[in-house]
Amino acid sequence: MATNTFKIKSNDAMPASASTFDTLYTVPSSTTTVVLGLILCNVHSTSVTASVKMSSNTVDTETNVDTLVCKDVSIPQGSSLEVLNGSKLVLQTTDLLKIDCSVSAKIDATLSIMEIT
């Protein structure tokens, strides 16, 4: 019988280098993950732009490639962005969720998930 485990994953000061995606979460083996929410907070003194990428190398009957969930979205100083805004995202084993920002180390990311094993 499948086990559902709710988890939170967070990372402050993302990404390490501007314009370089950093991995926030990798789906463990034998796991399907439902992304319930993703909040990005701008901790910089001015506006920044942020992008979220889902990287998939899952071998399936469909083509699985890297896709942008959002691209260069402006986040004002001291503000947060709820990326999925009520939608869900399903990730399979080895899929990655990555974060980028126009300025290094200026995004705090909080990810709410349910892992199904």
Protein backbone atom coordinates (compact mmCIF):
# COMPACT_ATOMS: atom_id res chain seq x y z
CA MET A 1 0.00 0.00 0.00
CA ALA A 2 1.28 3.45 -0.89
CA THR A 3 2.45 5.81 1.84
CA ASN A 4 1.78 9.54 1.55
CA THR A 5 4.22 11.79 3.43
CA PHE A 6 3.82 15.55 3.55
CA LYS A 7 7.10 17.46 3.61
CA ILE A 8 8.52 20.94 3.32
CA LYS A 9 11.80 21.71 1.56
CA SER A 10 13.40 25.10 1.85
CA ASN A 11 16.54 26.88 0.80
CA ASP A 12 17.64 30.41 1.52
CA ALA A 13 19.87 32.53 -0.63
CA MET A 14 19.29 30.85 -4.00
CA PRO A 15 20.92 30.57 -6.49
CA ALA A 16 24.64 30.44 -5.75
CA SER A 17 25.31 32.25 -9.04
CA ALA A 18 22.98 34.56 -10.94
CA SER A 19 21.52 33.08 -14.12
CA THR A 20 22.46 29.55 -13.03
CA PHE A 21 19.69 27.20 -11.90
CA ASP A 22 20.16 25.63 -8.45
CA THR A 23 18.35 22.42 -7.50
CA LEU A 24 15.78 22.89 -4.75
CA TYR A 25 14.42 19.31 -4.82
CA THR A 26 15.15 15.94 -6.41
CA VAL A 27 12.51 13.20 -6.35
CA PRO A 28 13.92 10.13 -4.55
CA SER A 29 13.91 6.67 -6.12
CA SER A 30 10.63 4.73 -6.09
CA THR A 31 8.74 7.95 -5.36
CA THR A 32 6.16 10.14 -7.04
CA THR A 33 5.89 13.67 -5.68
CA VAL A 34 2.97 16.07 -5.81
CA VAL A 35 4.08 19.68 -5.49
CA LEU A 36 1.43 21.43 -3.43
CA GLY A 37 2.99 24.88 -3.30
CA LEU A 38 6.11 26.87 -4.08
CA ILE A 39 6.80 30.30 -2.63
CA LEU A 40 9.72 32.47 -3.73
CA CYS A 41 10.66 35.44 -1.53
CA ASN A 42 12.84 38.31 -2.71
CA VAL A 43 15.32 39.15 0.07
CA HIS A 44 17.18 41.75 -2.02
CA SER A 45 16.98 45.53 -1.61
CA THR A 46 15.54 45.94 -5.14
CA SER A 47 13.34 43.97 -7.52
CA VAL A 48 14.66 40.71 -8.99
CA THR A 49 13.45 38.30 -11.64
CA ALA A 50 13.14 34.59 -10.94
CA SER A 51 12.59 31.43 -12.97
CA VAL A 52 11.56 27.90 -12.00
CA LYS A 53 12.50 24.89 -14.11
CA MET A 54 11.32 21.28 -13.94
CA SER A 55 13.99 18.92 -15.24
CA SER A 56 12.84 15.45 -16.21
CA ASN A 57 14.83 12.54 -17.54
CA THR A 58 12.14 9.98 -16.72
CA VAL A 59 11.95 7.27 -19.35
CA ASP A 60 8.29 7.07 -20.28
CA THR A 61 6.14 6.75 -23.35
CA GLU A 62 6.12 10.52 -23.70
CA THR A 63 9.03 12.87 -24.26
CA ASN A 64 10.31 14.26 -20.98
CA VAL A 65 12.52 17.31 -21.15
CA ASP A 66 13.36 20.43 -19.15
CA THR A 67 10.43 22.84 -19.01
CA LEU A 68 10.03 26.24 -17.43
CA VAL A 69 7.27 26.56 -14.86
CA CYS A 70 7.80 30.32 -14.88
CA LYS A 71 10.41 32.50 -16.58
CA ASP A 72 11.87 35.84 -15.54
CA VAL A 73 8.95 36.75 -13.27
CA SER A 74 9.51 40.05 -11.49
CA ILE A 75 9.36 39.95 -7.69
CA PRO A 76 9.41 43.37 -6.00
CA GLN A 77 11.70 44.12 -3.05
CA GLY A 78 10.50 42.36 0.10
CA SER A 79 7.71 40.50 -1.71
CA SER A 80 6.85 36.86 -2.28
CA LEU A 81 5.47 35.00 -5.27
CA GLU A 82 3.31 31.89 -5.02
CA VAL A 83 4.41 30.14 -8.20
CA LEU A 84 1.72 27.48 -8.57
CA ASN A 85 -1.18 29.55 -7.18
CA GLY A 86 -3.46 26.60 -6.40
CA SER A 87 -2.23 24.31 -9.18
CA LYS A 88 -0.35 21.06 -8.60
CA LEU A 89 2.74 19.66 -10.29
CA VAL A 90 3.47 15.91 -10.39
CA LEU A 91 7.12 14.84 -10.43
CA GLN A 92 8.49 11.35 -11.01
CA THR A 93 11.61 9.62 -9.73
CA THR A 94 14.80 11.63 -10.49
CA ASP A 95 12.86 14.73 -11.65
CA LEU A 96 14.33 18.01 -10.36
CA LEU A 97 12.85 21.35 -9.41
CA LYS A 98 15.34 24.19 -9.95
CA ILE A 99 15.36 27.89 -9.09
CA ASP A 100 17.17 30.79 -10.76
CA CYS A 101 17.35 34.51 -10.02
CA SER A 102 18.77 37.56 -11.75
CA VAL A 103 20.89 38.27 -8.66
CA SER A 104 22.81 35.59 -6.78
CA ALA A 105 21.63 34.53 -3.32
CA LYS A 106 18.53 36.75 -3.25
CA ILE A 107 15.66 34.22 -3.36
CA ASP A 108 14.38 32.21 -0.41
CA ALA A 109 12.38 29.22 -1.67
CA THR A 110 9.80 27.20 0.27
CA LEU A 111 8.39 24.04 -1.31
CA SER A 112 5.43 22.06 0.06
CA ILE A 113 5.16 18.51 -1.26
CA MET A 114 3.56 15.13 -0.76
CA GLU A 115 5.80 12.14 -1.49
CA ILE A 116 4.07 8.91 -2.49
CA THR A 117 6.15 5.78 -1.93
